[in-house]
Protein backbone atom coordinates (compact mmCIF):
# COMPACT_ATOMS: atom_id res chain seq x y z
CA MET A 1 99.51 111.70 151.02
CA SER A 2 103.11 111.57 152.20
CA LEU A 3 105.87 110.18 149.90
CA SER A 4 106.20 107.11 152.34
CA GLU A 5 102.39 106.39 152.13
CA LEU A 6 102.60 106.56 148.33
CA GLU A 7 105.52 104.15 148.26
CA ARG A 8 103.57 101.55 150.34
CA LEU A 9 100.50 102.07 148.15
CA LEU A 10 102.58 101.52 144.95
CA GLU A 11 104.24 98.48 146.37
CA LYS A 12 100.86 96.88 147.05
CA MET A 13 99.05 97.92 143.85
CA ILE A 14 101.61 97.25 141.04
CA PRO A 15 100.34 94.25 139.25
CA ARG A 16 101.80 90.89 138.70
CA GLU A 17 100.89 91.31 135.09
CA GLY A 18 98.88 93.78 133.01
CA ARG A 19 98.34 97.45 133.52
CA THR A 20 97.46 99.41 136.54
CA THR A 21 96.74 103.11 136.83
CA LEU A 22 96.94 105.18 139.98
CA THR A 23 95.00 108.48 140.04
CA LEU A 24 95.87 111.00 142.70
CA THR A 25 93.20 113.78 143.21
CA GLU A 26 95.47 115.58 145.60
CA THR A 27 98.33 116.69 143.48
CA PRO A 28 101.95 117.49 144.84
CA ALA A 29 102.30 120.96 146.34
CA ASP A 30 105.05 122.08 143.96
CA ALA A 31 107.30 120.89 141.05
CA ASP A 32 109.98 119.60 143.46
CA GLU A 33 107.57 117.31 145.21
CA LEU A 34 106.24 116.21 141.87
CA VAL A 35 109.78 115.24 140.78
CA ARG A 36 110.44 113.28 144.05
CA LEU A 37 107.15 111.47 143.51
CA LEU A 38 107.94 110.62 139.96
CA GLU A 39 111.48 109.44 140.87
CA ARG A 40 109.99 106.99 143.44
CA ALA A 41 107.28 105.81 141.03
CA ILE A 42 110.02 104.95 138.50
CA VAL A 43 112.19 103.21 141.05
CA ILE A 44 109.32 101.14 142.59
CA GLY A 45 107.84 100.27 139.22
CA ASN A 46 111.16 99.05 137.86
CA ARG A 47 111.87 97.05 141.08
CA ARG A 48 108.40 95.37 140.83
CA GLY A 49 108.98 94.68 137.19
CA ALA A 50 106.21 97.01 135.96
CA PRO A 51 107.81 100.16 134.66
CA LEU A 52 106.08 103.51 134.60
CA VAL A 53 104.68 103.86 131.11
CA GLU A 54 102.48 107.02 131.31
CA ILE A 55 102.20 110.15 133.38
CA SER A 56 99.40 112.71 133.26
CA ALA A 57 99.95 115.78 135.35
CA PRO A 58 98.10 119.17 135.56
CA ILE A 59 100.65 121.15 133.61
CA ALA A 60 98.80 124.46 134.59
CA GLU A 61 100.01 123.79 138.25
CA TYR A 62 103.58 123.05 137.15
CA PRO A 63 104.42 125.43 134.37
CA ASP A 64 107.98 124.49 134.17
CA CYS A 65 107.18 120.81 133.87
CA PRO A 66 109.06 119.02 131.06
CA THR A 67 107.34 117.04 128.30
CA ALA A 68 108.84 113.85 129.68
CA PHE A 69 110.35 112.48 132.80
CA TRP A 70 113.14 110.20 132.00
CA HIS A 71 111.73 108.21 129.11
CA VAL A 72 108.07 108.59 130.12
CA PRO A 73 106.03 111.25 128.26
CA ILE A 74 103.93 113.62 130.42
CA GLU A 75 100.46 114.36 129.18
CA ASP A 76 98.43 117.36 130.41
CA SER A 77 95.60 116.48 132.73
CA SER A 78 94.83 120.10 133.77
CA ARG A 79 91.23 119.78 132.80
CA GLU A 80 90.79 116.96 135.38
CA GLY A 81 93.24 118.40 137.83
CA VAL A 82 94.71 114.98 138.73
CA LEU A 83 98.05 113.20 138.56
CA ARG A 84 97.80 109.86 136.91
CA LEU A 85 100.55 107.22 136.79
CA ALA A 86 100.18 104.09 134.74
CA PHE A 87 102.45 101.04 135.24
CA GLU A 88 102.63 98.03 132.91
CA LYS A 89 103.98 94.57 133.50
CA VAL A 90 104.28 92.55 130.35
CA ALA A 91 104.21 88.82 130.79
CA LEU A 92 107.20 87.15 129.29
CA PRO A 93 106.61 84.19 126.97
CA ASP A 94 107.25 80.75 128.39
CA ALA A 95 110.80 79.43 127.67
CA ALA A 96 111.06 76.70 125.23
């Protein structure tokens, strides 16, 4: 999946409220591509009001991967071999 295809998918799938998780079974080819993907995910999530809150990546494929990207912790999904991104939009209480 190209970066532009992923961007269009994220724009459509990020929820109006609640939590949405995107699982990619085809992982980025290298760490640089992973970083570009995560940067776009953060930007699009923030723009849609549903920040990226969880990342799972196959750390075995990216040995130099940090334990967090910006403020989002990265969990190891090497066993599943997938990249998982979770976005959450919290409903704001009604104004009084």
